[in-house]
Amino acid sequence: MSLNEEERKIVVDLELDKASRLLVQAERNVEIELWDVVANRLYYSLFHAVSAMLVHDHINVSSHKGAVMLFGQHYITTGKFLPDEGRFYSQLQTMREKADYNCNWCATEEIIKPMIDPARRFIEKVRLYVGL
């Protein structure tokens, strides 16, 4: 994706707005105890936050697994983010896949609810990183 700096800023802003909206959707679905949906929305909120960082840093990505790999390569190994944050992002991706595709696995309040605050902190850290 070839973007000029103005376009890049717009895309970063749009990705972070989407991340925030998805986090709100996760929180609202907690109220009605739709834990599979909460897992899905939490993962996608982080995916869009990471996508914002990648765009900000001129790094192209074409898949969800690629975003996880590039996050590790460009942000964990460089010390910009902690290894625990990388594991958290990867864990949410796995849980989202289980929640969406595995009929033998059910997300529960005990598993999912403790992930909301770390997701919020992760997105805030991304916002600080990109200067928003």
N, C-alpha and C. Protein backbone atom coordinates (compact mmCIF):
# COMPACT_ATOMS: atom_id res chain seq x y z
N MET A 1 0.85 -1.17 0.00
CA MET A 1 0.00 0.00 0.00
C MET A 1 0.90 1.23 0.00
N SER A 2 0.78 2.03 -1.00
CA SER A 2 1.60 3.23 -1.12
C SER A 2 0.75 4.44 -0.72
N LEU A 3 1.08 5.00 0.43
CA LEU A 3 0.33 6.14 0.96
C LEU A 3 1.27 7.32 1.16
N ASN A 4 0.75 8.51 0.92
CA ASN A 4 1.52 9.68 1.32
C ASN A 4 1.29 9.89 2.82
N GLU A 5 1.99 10.80 3.42
CA GLU A 5 1.92 10.95 4.88
C GLU A 5 0.53 11.37 5.36
N GLU A 6 -0.15 12.21 4.61
CA GLU A 6 -1.51 12.62 4.98
C GLU A 6 -2.46 11.42 4.95
N GLU A 7 -2.37 10.62 3.89
CA GLU A 7 -3.21 9.42 3.78
C GLU A 7 -2.88 8.43 4.89
N ARG A 8 -1.60 8.29 5.19
CA ARG A 8 -1.17 7.37 6.25
C ARG A 8 -1.79 7.78 7.59
N LYS A 9 -1.77 9.07 7.89
CA LYS A 9 -2.35 9.56 9.15
C LYS A 9 -3.85 9.27 9.18
N ILE A 10 -4.52 9.47 8.06
CA ILE A 10 -5.97 9.20 8.00
C ILE A 10 -6.23 7.72 8.28
N VAL A 11 -5.47 6.84 7.64
CA VAL A 11 -5.68 5.40 7.85
C VAL A 11 -5.39 5.01 9.30
N VAL A 12 -4.32 5.55 9.87
CA VAL A 12 -4.00 5.27 11.28
C VAL A 12 -5.16 5.71 12.17
N ASP A 13 -5.68 6.92 11.94
CA ASP A 13 -6.81 7.41 12.73
C ASP A 13 -8.03 6.51 12.57
N LEU A 14 -8.31 6.09 11.34
CA LEU A 14 -9.46 5.21 11.10
C LEU A 14 -9.30 3.87 11.79
N GLU A 15 -8.10 3.31 11.73
CA GLU A 15 -7.85 2.02 12.39
C GLU A 15 -8.02 2.15 13.90
N LEU A 16 -7.52 3.23 14.48
CA LEU A 16 -7.66 3.39 15.93
C LEU A 16 -9.09 3.70 16.34
N ASP A 17 -9.81 4.44 15.52
CA ASP A 17 -11.24 4.65 15.80
C ASP A 17 -11.98 3.32 15.79
N LYS A 18 -11.67 2.48 14.82
CA LYS A 18 -12.30 1.15 14.73
C LYS A 18 -11.93 0.33 15.96
N ALA A 19 -10.67 0.36 16.37
CA ALA A 19 -10.25 -0.37 17.57
C ALA A 19 -11.07 0.07 18.78
N SER A 20 -11.28 1.36 18.93
CA SER A 20 -12.06 1.88 20.06
C SER A 20 -13.52 1.46 19.98
N ARG A 21 -14.09 1.52 18.79
CA ARG A 21 -15.50 1.10 18.63
C ARG A 21 -15.67 -0.39 18.95
N LEU A 22 -14.72 -1.20 18.52
CA LEU A 22 -14.81 -2.63 18.79
C LEU A 22 -14.65 -2.94 20.27
N LEU A 23 -13.82 -2.17 20.96
CA LEU A 23 -13.69 -2.34 22.40
C LEU A 23 -15.00 -2.00 23.10
N VAL A 24 -15.66 -0.95 22.67
CA VAL A 24 -16.98 -0.61 23.22
C VAL A 24 -17.97 -1.74 22.95
N GLN A 25 -17.93 -2.31 21.75
CA GLN A 25 -18.82 -3.43 21.45
C GLN A 25 -18.55 -4.61 22.38
N ALA A 26 -17.28 -4.87 22.66
CA ALA A 26 -16.93 -5.95 23.59
C ALA A 26 -17.53 -5.66 24.96
N GLU A 27 -17.36 -4.45 25.44
CA GLU A 27 -17.87 -4.09 26.76
C GLU A 27 -19.39 -4.18 26.83
N ARG A 28 -20.06 -3.78 25.78
CA ARG A 28 -21.53 -3.85 25.79
C ARG A 28 -22.02 -5.30 25.74
N ASN A 29 -21.28 -6.16 25.07
CA ASN A 29 -21.67 -7.56 25.02
C ASN A 29 -21.40 -8.28 26.33
N VAL A 30 -20.53 -7.73 27.17
CA VAL A 30 -20.34 -8.27 28.52
C VAL A 30 -21.66 -8.16 29.29
N GLU A 31 -22.35 -7.04 29.11
CA GLU A 31 -23.61 -6.79 29.83
C GLU A 31 -24.64 -7.88 29.55
N ILE A 32 -24.61 -8.45 28.36
CA ILE A 32 -25.59 -9.50 28.03
C ILE A 32 -24.94 -10.88 27.97
N GLU A 33 -23.71 -10.95 28.46
CA GLU A 33 -22.98 -12.21 28.65
C GLU A 33 -22.81 -13.02 27.36
N LEU A 34 -22.51 -12.34 26.26
CA LEU A 34 -22.22 -13.02 25.00
C LEU A 34 -20.70 -13.16 24.90
N TRP A 35 -20.15 -14.13 25.61
CA TRP A 35 -18.71 -14.23 25.79
C TRP A 35 -17.96 -14.55 24.50
N ASP A 36 -18.55 -15.34 23.61
CA ASP A 36 -17.91 -15.59 22.32
C ASP A 36 -17.78 -14.29 21.52
N VAL A 37 -18.82 -13.49 21.58
CA VAL A 37 -18.80 -12.21 20.87
C VAL A 37 -17.78 -11.27 21.50
N VAL A 38 -17.70 -11.28 22.83
CA VAL A 38 -16.72 -10.44 23.52
C VAL A 38 -15.30 -10.84 23.10
N ALA A 39 -15.03 -12.14 23.04
CA ALA A 39 -13.71 -12.61 22.61
C ALA A 39 -13.41 -12.11 21.19
N ASN A 40 -14.38 -12.21 20.32
CA ASN A 40 -14.23 -11.77 18.94
C ASN A 40 -13.93 -10.27 18.88
N ARG A 41 -14.72 -9.47 19.55
CA ARG A 41 -14.56 -8.02 19.51
C ARG A 41 -13.25 -7.57 20.15
N LEU A 42 -12.84 -8.24 21.25
CA LEU A 42 -11.57 -7.89 21.88
C LEU A 42 -10.41 -8.15 20.92
N TYR A 43 -10.42 -9.31 20.29
CA TYR A 43 -9.34 -9.61 19.34
C TYR A 43 -9.31 -8.57 18.23
N TYR A 44 -10.46 -8.30 17.62
CA TYR A 44 -10.46 -7.38 16.49
C TYR A 44 -10.09 -5.96 16.92
N SER A 45 -10.39 -5.59 18.15
CA SER A 45 -9.96 -4.26 18.62
C SER A 45 -8.43 -4.19 18.63
N LEU A 46 -7.77 -5.26 19.08
CA LEU A 46 -6.31 -5.28 19.07
C LEU A 46 -5.76 -5.39 17.65
N PHE A 47 -6.41 -6.18 16.83
CA PHE A 47 -5.96 -6.31 15.43
C PHE A 47 -5.94 -4.94 14.74
N HIS A 48 -6.99 -4.15 14.94
CA HIS A 48 -7.03 -2.84 14.29
C HIS A 48 -6.04 -1.87 14.91
N ALA A 49 -5.79 -2.00 16.21
CA ALA A 49 -4.77 -1.16 16.85
C ALA A 49 -3.38 -1.50 16.28
N VAL A 50 -3.09 -2.80 16.18
CA VAL A 50 -1.80 -3.22 15.62
C VAL A 50 -1.72 -2.80 14.15
N SER A 51 -2.80 -2.92 13.42
CA SER A 51 -2.80 -2.47 12.02
C SER A 51 -2.47 -0.99 11.93
N ALA A 52 -2.98 -0.19 12.86
CA ALA A 52 -2.67 1.25 12.88
C ALA A 52 -1.17 1.47 13.05
N MET A 53 -0.56 0.70 13.95
CA MET A 53 0.89 0.84 14.16
C MET A 53 1.67 0.44 12.92
N LEU A 54 1.26 -0.65 12.31
CA LEU A 54 1.96 -1.12 11.12
C LEU A 54 1.88 -0.09 10.00
N VAL A 55 0.70 0.46 9.80
CA VAL A 55 0.54 1.50 8.77
C VAL A 55 1.40 2.71 9.14
N HIS A 56 1.35 3.11 10.39
CA HIS A 56 2.15 4.24 10.88
C HIS A 56 3.62 4.05 10.55
N ASP A 57 4.10 2.83 10.68
CA ASP A 57 5.52 2.53 10.49
C ASP A 57 5.85 2.01 9.09
N HIS A 58 4.92 2.18 8.15
CA HIS A 58 5.17 1.81 6.75
C HIS A 58 5.43 0.31 6.58
N ILE A 59 4.73 -0.51 7.36
CA ILE A 59 4.89 -1.96 7.28
C ILE A 59 3.61 -2.55 6.70
N ASN A 60 3.74 -3.27 5.60
CA ASN A 60 2.58 -3.88 4.95
C ASN A 60 2.30 -5.25 5.55
N VAL A 61 1.01 -5.54 5.71
CA VAL A 61 0.59 -6.84 6.22
C VAL A 61 -0.62 -7.29 5.41
N SER A 62 -0.73 -8.61 5.23
CA SER A 62 -1.83 -9.10 4.41
C SER A 62 -2.68 -10.16 5.09
N SER A 63 -2.38 -10.47 6.36
CA SER A 63 -3.18 -11.49 7.04
C SER A 63 -3.15 -11.25 8.54
N HIS A 64 -4.06 -11.91 9.22
CA HIS A 64 -4.10 -11.82 10.69
C HIS A 64 -2.85 -12.45 11.29
N LYS A 65 -2.49 -13.62 10.81
CA LYS A 65 -1.28 -14.28 11.32
C LYS A 65 -0.04 -13.44 11.01
N GLY A 66 -0.04 -12.80 9.86
CA GLY A 66 1.06 -11.92 9.51
C GLY A 66 1.15 -10.73 10.45
N ALA A 67 0.01 -10.20 10.86
CA ALA A 67 0.01 -9.07 11.80
C ALA A 67 0.61 -9.49 13.14
N VAL A 68 0.26 -10.69 13.61
CA VAL A 68 0.83 -11.19 14.87
C VAL A 68 2.34 -11.35 14.72
N MET A 69 2.77 -11.95 13.61
CA MET A 69 4.19 -12.16 13.38
C MET A 69 4.95 -10.83 13.28
N LEU A 70 4.41 -9.89 12.52
CA LEU A 70 5.07 -8.60 12.36
C LEU A 70 5.07 -7.81 13.67
N PHE A 71 4.02 -7.95 14.46
CA PHE A 71 4.00 -7.29 15.77
C PHE A 71 5.16 -7.81 16.62
N GLY A 72 5.35 -9.11 16.63
CA GLY A 72 6.47 -9.69 17.37
C GLY A 72 7.80 -9.20 16.85
N GLN A 73 7.95 -9.22 15.53
CA GLN A 73 9.21 -8.86 14.89
C GLN A 73 9.56 -7.39 15.09
N HIS A 74 8.59 -6.49 14.94
CA HIS A 74 8.89 -5.06 14.93
C HIS A 74 8.65 -4.36 16.27
N TYR A 75 7.90 -4.98 17.16
CA TYR A 75 7.55 -4.28 18.40
C TYR A 75 7.96 -5.03 19.67
N ILE A 76 7.96 -6.36 19.62
CA ILE A 76 8.37 -7.13 20.79
C ILE A 76 9.88 -7.26 20.83
N THR A 77 10.47 -7.75 19.74
CA THR A 77 11.92 -7.97 19.74
C THR A 77 12.71 -6.66 19.86
N THR A 78 12.08 -5.55 19.50
CA THR A 78 12.75 -4.25 19.61
C THR A 78 12.54 -3.60 20.97
N GLY A 79 11.69 -4.20 21.81
CA GLY A 79 11.45 -3.67 23.14
C GLY A 79 10.40 -2.57 23.21
N LYS A 80 9.76 -2.27 22.09
CA LYS A 80 8.73 -1.23 22.10
C LYS A 80 7.48 -1.69 22.86
N PHE A 81 7.24 -3.00 22.81
CA PHE A 81 6.16 -3.62 23.57
C PHE A 81 6.76 -4.81 24.32
N LEU A 82 6.12 -5.19 25.40
CA LEU A 82 6.62 -6.28 26.24
C LEU A 82 6.23 -7.64 25.67
N PRO A 83 7.03 -8.66 25.94
CA PRO A 83 6.67 -10.02 25.50
C PRO A 83 5.28 -10.44 25.98
N ASP A 84 4.89 -10.03 27.18
CA ASP A 84 3.54 -10.36 27.68
C ASP A 84 2.46 -9.76 26.79
N GLU A 85 2.72 -8.60 26.23
CA GLU A 85 1.75 -7.97 25.34
C GLU A 85 1.64 -8.74 24.02
N GLY A 86 2.75 -9.26 23.56
CA GLY A 86 2.72 -10.10 22.37
C GLY A 86 1.96 -11.39 22.61
N ARG A 87 2.19 -12.01 23.77
CA ARG A 87 1.47 -13.23 24.11
C ARG A 87 -0.02 -12.96 24.25
N PHE A 88 -0.36 -11.82 24.84
CA PHE A 88 -1.77 -11.44 25.01
C PHE A 88 -2.46 -11.31 23.66
N TYR A 89 -1.83 -10.61 22.74
CA TYR A 89 -2.39 -10.44 21.40
C TYR A 89 -2.58 -11.79 20.71
N SER A 90 -1.57 -12.63 20.79
CA SER A 90 -1.64 -13.96 20.19
C SER A 90 -2.72 -14.81 20.87
N GLN A 91 -2.80 -14.72 22.18
CA GLN A 91 -3.81 -15.47 22.93
C GLN A 91 -5.22 -15.04 22.52
N LEU A 92 -5.44 -13.75 22.36
CA LEU A 92 -6.75 -13.28 21.92
C LEU A 92 -7.07 -13.77 20.51
N GLN A 93 -6.07 -13.82 19.65
CA GLN A 93 -6.32 -14.34 18.31
C GLN A 93 -6.77 -15.80 18.37
N THR A 94 -6.09 -16.59 19.16
CA THR A 94 -6.44 -18.01 19.31
C THR A 94 -7.84 -18.16 19.90
N MET A 95 -8.15 -17.36 20.92
CA MET A 95 -9.48 -17.45 21.53
C MET A 95 -10.57 -17.01 20.56
N ARG A 96 -10.29 -16.00 19.76
CA ARG A 96 -11.28 -15.57 18.77
C ARG A 96 -11.54 -16.69 17.78
N GLU A 97 -10.48 -17.35 17.33
CA GLU A 97 -10.66 -18.45 16.38
C GLU A 97 -11.46 -19.58 17.02
N LYS A 98 -11.17 -19.92 18.26
CA LYS A 98 -11.94 -20.96 18.95
C LYS A 98 -13.40 -20.55 19.10
N ALA A 99 -13.61 -19.29 19.52
CA ALA A 99 -14.98 -18.81 19.72
C ALA A 99 -15.77 -18.80 18.42
N ASP A 100 -15.11 -18.46 17.33
CA ASP A 100 -15.81 -18.36 16.05
C ASP A 100 -16.00 -19.70 15.35
N TYR A 101 -15.04 -20.63 15.50
CA TYR A 101 -15.02 -21.81 14.65
C TYR A 101 -15.10 -23.16 15.37
N ASN A 102 -14.86 -23.19 16.66
CA ASN A 102 -14.80 -24.46 17.37
C ASN A 102 -16.07 -24.66 18.20
N CYS A 103 -16.91 -25.58 17.76
CA CYS A 103 -18.17 -25.80 18.46
C CYS A 103 -17.97 -26.51 19.80
N ASN A 104 -16.78 -27.01 20.07
CA ASN A 104 -16.50 -27.68 21.35
C ASN A 104 -15.95 -26.73 22.41
N TRP A 105 -15.72 -25.48 22.05
CA TRP A 105 -15.12 -24.53 22.99
C TRP A 105 -16.09 -23.38 23.22
N CYS A 106 -16.31 -23.05 24.47
CA CYS A 106 -17.17 -21.92 24.80
C CYS A 106 -16.39 -20.92 25.63
N ALA A 107 -16.42 -19.69 25.19
CA ALA A 107 -15.84 -18.62 25.99
C ALA A 107 -16.70 -18.45 27.24
N THR A 108 -16.05 -18.17 28.35
CA THR A 108 -16.78 -17.98 29.60
C THR A 108 -16.38 -16.64 30.22
N GLU A 109 -17.17 -16.21 31.14
CA GLU A 109 -16.88 -14.96 31.85
C GLU A 109 -15.51 -15.04 32.53
N GLU A 110 -15.21 -16.18 33.13
CA GLU A 110 -13.94 -16.34 33.85
C GLU A 110 -12.74 -16.20 32.93
N ILE A 111 -12.89 -16.65 31.69
CA ILE A 111 -11.79 -16.58 30.72
C ILE A 111 -11.69 -15.18 30.11
N ILE A 112 -12.82 -14.63 29.72
CA ILE A 112 -12.83 -13.43 28.88
C ILE A 112 -12.83 -12.12 29.65
N LYS A 113 -13.59 -12.02 30.69
CA LYS A 113 -13.74 -10.73 31.39
C LYS A 113 -12.40 -10.15 31.86
N PRO A 114 -11.47 -10.97 32.37
CA PRO A 114 -10.19 -10.40 32.81
C PRO A 114 -9.33 -9.84 31.66
N MET A 115 -9.74 -10.04 30.44
CA MET A 115 -8.96 -9.56 29.29
C MET A 115 -9.37 -8.16 28.82
N ILE A 116 -10.44 -7.65 29.36
CA ILE A 116 -10.95 -6.36 28.88
C ILE A 116 -10.01 -5.21 29.26
N ASP A 117 -9.62 -5.13 30.50
CA ASP A 117 -8.72 -4.04 30.92
C ASP A 117 -7.36 -4.12 30.21
N PRO A 118 -6.75 -5.30 30.11
CA PRO A 118 -5.49 -5.35 29.35
C PRO A 118 -5.66 -4.93 27.89
N ALA A 119 -6.80 -5.25 27.29
CA ALA A 119 -7.05 -4.83 25.90
C ALA A 119 -7.14 -3.31 25.83
N ARG A 120 -7.82 -2.71 26.80
CA ARG A 120 -7.94 -1.25 26.84
C ARG A 120 -6.55 -0.62 26.99
N ARG A 121 -5.72 -1.17 27.87
CA ARG A 121 -4.36 -0.63 28.07
C ARG A 121 -3.51 -0.81 26.81
N PHE A 122 -3.66 -1.94 26.14
CA PHE A 122 -2.92 -2.21 24.91
C PHE A 122 -3.24 -1.15 23.85
N ILE A 123 -4.53 -0.88 23.67
CA ILE A 123 -4.95 0.11 22.67
C ILE A 123 -4.43 1.49 23.05
N GLU A 124 -4.47 1.82 24.32
CA GLU A 124 -3.96 3.11 24.76
C GLU A 124 -2.45 3.22 24.50
N LYS A 125 -1.74 2.15 24.72
CA LYS A 125 -0.30 2.15 24.45
C LYS A 125 -0.03 2.36 22.96
N VAL A 126 -0.84 1.75 22.12
CA VAL A 126 -0.71 1.96 20.68
C VAL A 126 -0.96 3.42 20.34
N ARG A 127 -2.00 4.00 20.93
CA ARG A 127 -2.32 5.42 20.68
C ARG A 127 -1.12 6.31 21.03
N LEU A 128 -0.51 6.04 22.16
CA LEU A 128 0.67 6.80 22.57
C LEU A 128 1.82 6.59 21.59
N TYR A 129 1.99 5.37 21.16
CA TYR A 129 3.08 5.03 20.23
C TYR A 129 2.96 5.83 18.92
N VAL A 130 1.73 5.90 18.39
CA VAL A 130 1.55 6.59 17.10
C VAL A 130 1.36 8.09 17.28
N GLY A 131 1.35 8.54 18.53
CA GLY A 131 1.25 9.97 18.79
C GLY A 131 -0.14 10.54 18.82
N LEU A 132 -1.11 9.70 19.18
CA LEU A 132 -2.50 10.20 19.29
C LEU A 132 -2.99 10.16 20.72
